Amino acid sequence: MAEGTKAIAVTGSSRGIGAEIVRELARRGFTVGCLSRGGGLPDDIPTNATLLPFTCDVTDEDSVTAALAGFAQAAGGLNGLVNNAGVLKEHKSAELSVADYDNVMRTNATSVMMVSREAYPYLCAADGGAIVNIGSFWDKIGVPRNLPYCASKAAIAAITRCHAVEWARDGISVMNIAPGYIETDFNHDFFADKKTREWLRQRAPMQKPGTVGDVARLVAALFSEDIPFLTGDTIYLDGAQSVAL
């Protein structure tokens, strides 16, 4: 790895928040491993970006192992990881099957454990690094029809704390970013709805959703500033909605 160059792997990198995280890291000069089911690159890639695409199903151990090994070899090492991949599926709790619950938990939370575990030896070989997990402010509130999602995001916060404590002596910091309502290409129509806009105007302190750029800049800042003593915490990026009366 060239001096001054750091390599960061991002899961769920093809669209939405993940794609913007990739773009922002690339703008700041990082070599970025784009790990996604499709194995492609996001649109609107910055000029002179160093992006390496890898097919990766975060629910499959062999796929995770191969993708991280391929990226670390191609980039000359691994200095950081962003666990962004996730899924949201609504279910009535009284009708929720174990299979549907397990699918969300495995995609959102078990994957964080698994991908971080596989990244660990590479980060140790690099004399430390950072892991940034993408949680949600739904980790501490009750949301109808979203039991698996809320539970999985609460689990991410717990995984973050445990990894931070256990891996601190290895020079690895672990943080959790918990976004609030963020407008993405997935949910643009939802936030464009007049009723949704009015609900946000009445209930959200900033009266609007955040942007993928808000999340991406915070993620990139954690890597750019390199503050090892900042570890184990959850940063709520929600426009103060989770603390508002």
Protein backbone atom coordinates (compact mmCIF):
# COMPACT_ATOMS: atom_id res chain seq x y z
CA MET A 1 0.00 0.00 0.00
CA ALA A 2 1.36 3.38 -0.99
CA GLU A 3 2.37 5.72 1.82
CA GLY A 4 -0.53 7.88 2.90
CA THR A 5 -3.13 5.73 1.13
CA LYS A 6 -5.72 3.96 3.26
CA ALA A 7 -8.04 1.22 2.08
CA ILE A 8 -11.61 1.03 3.37
CA ALA A 9 -14.22 -1.62 2.55
CA VAL A 10 -17.89 -0.59 2.39
CA THR A 11 -20.73 -3.12 2.39
CA GLY A 12 -24.03 -2.33 0.70
CA SER A 13 -22.14 0.09 -1.51
CA SER A 14 -24.17 0.15 -4.70
CA ARG A 15 -27.03 2.52 -3.79
CA GLY A 16 -28.39 4.93 -1.21
CA ILE A 17 -26.31 5.78 1.84
CA GLY A 18 -23.65 3.22 0.96
CA ALA A 19 -23.05 4.66 -2.49
CA GLU A 20 -22.67 8.18 -1.11
CA ILE A 21 -20.25 6.93 1.55
CA VAL A 22 -18.16 5.41 -1.24
CA ARG A 23 -18.18 8.69 -3.17
CA GLU A 24 -17.22 10.78 -0.14
CA LEU A 25 -14.38 8.46 0.86
CA ALA A 26 -13.14 8.50 -2.73
CA ARG A 27 -13.24 12.32 -2.81
CA ARG A 28 -10.97 12.31 0.23
CA GLY A 29 -8.41 10.07 -1.43
CA PHE A 30 -9.19 6.70 0.15
CA THR A 31 -9.02 3.47 -1.81
CA VAL A 32 -12.51 2.03 -1.46
CA GLY A 33 -13.66 -1.56 -1.72
CA CYS A 34 -17.24 -1.60 -3.01
CA LEU A 35 -18.87 -4.73 -1.61
CA SER A 36 -22.41 -5.46 -2.81
CA ARG A 37 -24.58 -8.32 -4.00
CA GLY A 38 -24.32 -7.14 -7.59
CA GLY A 39 -20.61 -6.47 -7.42
CA GLY A 40 -20.87 -3.19 -9.32
CA LEU A 41 -19.86 0.40 -8.71
CA PRO A 42 -22.10 3.32 -7.73
CA ASP A 43 -23.10 5.95 -10.27
CA ASP A 44 -21.45 9.39 -10.44
CA ILE A 45 -17.98 8.27 -9.39
CA PRO A 46 -15.59 11.14 -8.60
CA THR A 47 -12.76 11.79 -11.02
CA ASN A 48 -9.55 9.89 -10.20
CA ALA A 49 -11.36 7.72 -7.63
CA THR A 50 -9.76 4.39 -6.73
CA LEU A 51 -12.70 2.02 -6.36
CA LEU A 52 -12.45 -1.76 -6.40
CA PRO A 53 -15.74 -3.69 -6.83
CA PHE A 54 -16.38 -7.09 -5.27
CA THR A 55 -19.46 -9.29 -5.18
CA CYS A 56 -20.42 -9.84 -1.56
CA ASP A 57 -23.49 -11.33 0.11
CA VAL A 58 -23.16 -10.26 3.75
CA THR A 59 -25.39 -13.14 4.87
CA ASP A 60 -22.94 -15.71 3.45
CA GLU A 61 -19.67 -16.36 5.29
CA ASP A 62 -17.78 -17.67 2.27
CA SER A 63 -18.82 -14.65 0.20
CA VAL A 64 -17.67 -12.24 2.92
CA THR A 65 -14.35 -14.03 3.38
CA ALA A 66 -13.62 -14.02 -0.36
CA ALA A 67 -14.58 -10.38 -0.87
CA LEU A 68 -12.46 -9.04 1.98
CA ALA A 69 -9.50 -11.21 1.00
CA GLY A 70 -9.77 -10.04 -2.60
CA PHE A 71 -9.94 -6.38 -1.63
CA ALA A 72 -7.11 -6.57 0.89
CA GLN A 73 -4.89 -8.27 -1.69
CA ALA A 74 -5.77 -5.80 -4.44
CA ALA A 75 -5.40 -2.73 -2.22
CA GLY A 76 -2.33 -3.95 -0.36
CA GLY A 77 -4.09 -4.11 2.99
CA LEU A 78 -7.16 -3.00 4.89
CA ASN A 79 -7.38 0.01 7.20
CA GLY A 80 -11.09 0.41 7.72
CA LEU A 81 -14.55 -1.06 7.31
CA VAL A 82 -18.02 0.43 6.96
CA ASN A 83 -20.82 -2.01 7.79
CA ASN A 84 -23.66 -0.40 5.87
CA ALA A 85 -25.57 -3.28 4.26
CA GLY A 86 -29.09 -3.71 5.56
CA VAL A 87 -32.73 -4.37 4.81
CA LEU A 88 -36.07 -3.07 6.12
CA LYS A 89 -39.15 -5.25 5.79
CA GLU A 90 -42.41 -4.47 7.55
CA HIS A 91 -44.32 -7.22 9.35
CA LYS A 92 -47.14 -7.21 11.86
CA SER A 93 -45.62 -8.57 15.06
CA ALA A 94 -48.55 -10.94 15.63
CA GLU A 95 -47.93 -12.46 12.20
CA LEU A 96 -44.13 -12.33 12.12
CA SER A 97 -42.50 -15.63 11.18
CA VAL A 98 -39.20 -16.77 12.60
CA ALA A 99 -37.83 -17.01 9.06
CA ASP A 100 -38.66 -13.36 8.30
CA TYR A 101 -37.26 -12.24 11.65
CA ASP A 102 -34.07 -14.22 11.12
CA ASN A 103 -33.61 -12.81 7.60
CA VAL A 104 -33.63 -9.22 8.81
CA MET A 105 -31.44 -9.98 11.82
CA ARG A 106 -28.90 -11.87 9.74
CA THR A 107 -28.72 -9.18 7.06
CA ASN A 108 -28.56 -6.22 9.44
CA ALA A 109 -26.88 -7.45 12.63
CA THR A 110 -25.28 -10.86 12.20
CA SER A 111 -23.52 -9.48 9.14
CA VAL A 112 -21.89 -6.76 11.27
CA MET A 113 -20.45 -9.43 13.56
CA MET A 114 -19.35 -11.60 10.66
CA VAL A 115 -17.81 -8.95 8.39
CA SER A 116 -16.04 -7.29 11.33
CA ARG A 117 -14.67 -10.66 12.46
CA GLU A 118 -13.29 -11.34 8.98
CA ALA A 119 -11.83 -7.82 8.76
CA TYR A 120 -10.15 -8.11 12.17
CA PRO A 121 -6.93 -9.92 11.13
CA TYR A 122 -6.37 -7.49 8.26
CA LEU A 123 -6.80 -4.50 10.58
CA CYS A 124 -4.40 -6.07 13.06
CA ALA A 125 -1.87 -6.59 10.27
CA ALA A 126 -2.17 -2.87 9.49
CA ASP A 127 -1.41 -2.02 13.14
CA GLY A 128 -5.00 -1.03 13.78
CA GLY A 129 -7.77 0.82 12.02
CA ALA A 130 -11.42 1.73 12.35
CA ILE A 131 -14.81 0.14 11.89
CA VAL A 132 -17.89 2.30 11.40
CA ASN A 133 -21.28 0.60 11.67
CA ILE A 134 -24.48 2.12 10.32
CA GLY A 135 -27.29 1.68 12.83
CA SER A 136 -30.50 3.68 13.23
CA PHE A 137 -32.21 5.93 15.75
CA TRP A 138 -34.92 3.28 15.73
CA ASP A 139 -32.59 1.30 17.99
CA LYS A 140 -34.19 2.96 21.04
CA ILE A 141 -37.80 3.54 20.01
CA GLY A 142 -40.76 1.29 19.25
CA VAL A 143 -41.96 1.37 15.65
CA PRO A 144 -45.10 -0.55 14.64
CA ARG A 145 -44.53 -3.34 12.08
CA ASN A 146 -40.77 -3.02 12.42
CA LEU A 147 -39.78 -5.31 15.30
CA PRO A 148 -36.96 -7.10 13.41
CA TYR A 149 -35.47 -3.85 12.10
CA CYS A 150 -35.54 -2.12 15.49
CA ALA A 151 -34.09 -5.20 17.20
CA SER A 152 -31.34 -5.54 14.61
CA LYS A 153 -30.30 -1.91 14.95
CA ALA A 154 -30.22 -2.19 18.75
CA ALA A 155 -28.02 -5.26 18.30
CA ILE A 156 -25.61 -3.25 16.13
CA ALA A 157 -25.12 -0.77 18.97
CA ALA A 158 -24.36 -3.64 21.34
CA ILE A 159 -21.95 -5.27 18.88
CA THR A 160 -20.21 -1.93 18.50
CA ARG A 161 -19.65 -1.64 22.26
CA CYS A 162 -18.38 -5.20 22.61
CA HIS A 163 -15.97 -4.97 19.67
CA ALA A 164 -14.69 -1.59 20.86
CA VAL A 165 -13.85 -2.93 24.30
CA GLU A 166 -12.36 -6.19 23.07
CA TRP A 167 -10.29 -4.77 20.21
CA ALA A 168 -9.07 -1.52 21.77
CA ARG A 169 -5.68 -3.04 22.61
CA ASP A 170 -5.29 -3.98 18.96
CA GLY A 171 -5.57 -0.34 17.96
CA ILE A 172 -9.02 -0.81 16.40
CA SER A 173 -11.71 1.77 17.10
CA VAL A 174 -15.36 0.88 16.51
CA MET A 175 -18.17 3.41 16.16
CA ASN A 176 -21.88 3.27 15.41
CA ILE A 177 -23.67 6.01 13.45
CA ALA A 178 -27.44 5.98 13.96
CA PRO A 179 -29.17 8.08 11.29
CA GLY A 180 -32.69 9.38 11.67
CA TYR A 181 -34.98 9.87 8.68
CA ILE A 182 -32.70 10.11 5.64
CA GLU A 183 -33.99 10.69 2.12
CA THR A 184 -32.46 8.27 -0.38
CA ASP A 185 -33.23 6.96 -3.84
CA PHE A 186 -35.12 4.12 -2.12
CA ASN A 187 -37.59 6.30 -0.24
CA HIS A 188 -37.78 9.49 -2.32
CA ASP A 189 -41.48 8.99 -3.11
CA PHE A 190 -42.28 8.47 0.58
CA PHE A 191 -40.68 11.76 1.60
CA ALA A 192 -42.19 13.55 -1.40
CA ASP A 193 -45.68 12.67 -0.15
CA LYS A 194 -47.54 15.69 1.23
CA LYS A 195 -48.69 13.84 4.37
CA THR A 196 -45.15 12.74 5.16
CA ARG A 197 -43.84 16.27 4.72
CA GLU A 198 -46.51 17.62 7.03
CA TRP A 199 -45.80 14.95 9.64
CA LEU A 200 -42.10 15.88 9.60
CA ARG A 201 -42.95 19.58 9.82
CA GLN A 202 -44.96 18.95 13.00
CA ARG A 203 -42.85 16.25 14.66
CA ALA A 204 -39.22 16.70 13.58
CA PRO A 205 -37.21 19.62 15.04
CA MET A 206 -35.60 20.37 11.65
CA GLN A 207 -38.92 19.73 9.85
CA LYS A 208 -37.28 17.69 7.10
CA PRO A 209 -35.31 14.50 6.53
CA GLY A 210 -31.55 14.38 6.41
CA THR A 211 -29.55 13.58 3.29
CA VAL A 212 -27.23 10.76 2.32
CA GLY A 213 -24.51 13.39 2.23
CA ASP A 214 -25.01 14.11 5.93
CA VAL A 215 -24.28 10.47 6.75
CA ALA A 216 -21.43 10.12 4.27
CA ARG A 217 -19.59 13.20 5.51
CA LEU A 218 -19.77 12.01 9.12
CA VAL A 219 -18.49 8.55 8.19
CA ALA A 220 -15.65 10.00 6.13
CA ALA A 221 -14.77 12.47 8.87
CA LEU A 222 -14.26 9.64 11.36
CA PHE A 223 -11.72 8.06 9.01
CA SER A 224 -10.11 11.34 7.92
CA GLU A 225 -9.62 12.73 11.41
CA ASP A 226 -8.43 9.40 12.84
CA ILE A 227 -9.34 9.75 16.53
CA PRO A 228 -8.56 6.34 18.08
CA PHE A 229 -9.79 7.37 21.56
CA LEU A 230 -13.27 7.87 20.09
CA THR A 231 -14.61 4.32 20.25
CA GLY A 232 -17.58 2.29 21.41
CA ASP A 233 -20.15 5.07 21.07
CA THR A 234 -23.29 5.62 19.03
CA ILE A 235 -23.62 8.98 17.30
CA TYR A 236 -27.24 9.89 16.61
CA LEU A 237 -27.48 11.78 13.32
CA ASP A 238 -31.19 12.56 13.40
CA GLY A 239 -31.67 16.32 13.58
CA ALA A 240 -32.42 16.02 17.33
CA GLN A 241 -35.60 14.05 16.68
CA SER A 242 -34.77 11.19 19.06
CA VAL A 243 -34.30 13.63 21.97
CA ALA A 244 -37.17 15.98 21.20
CA LEU A 245 -40.24 16.12 23.44
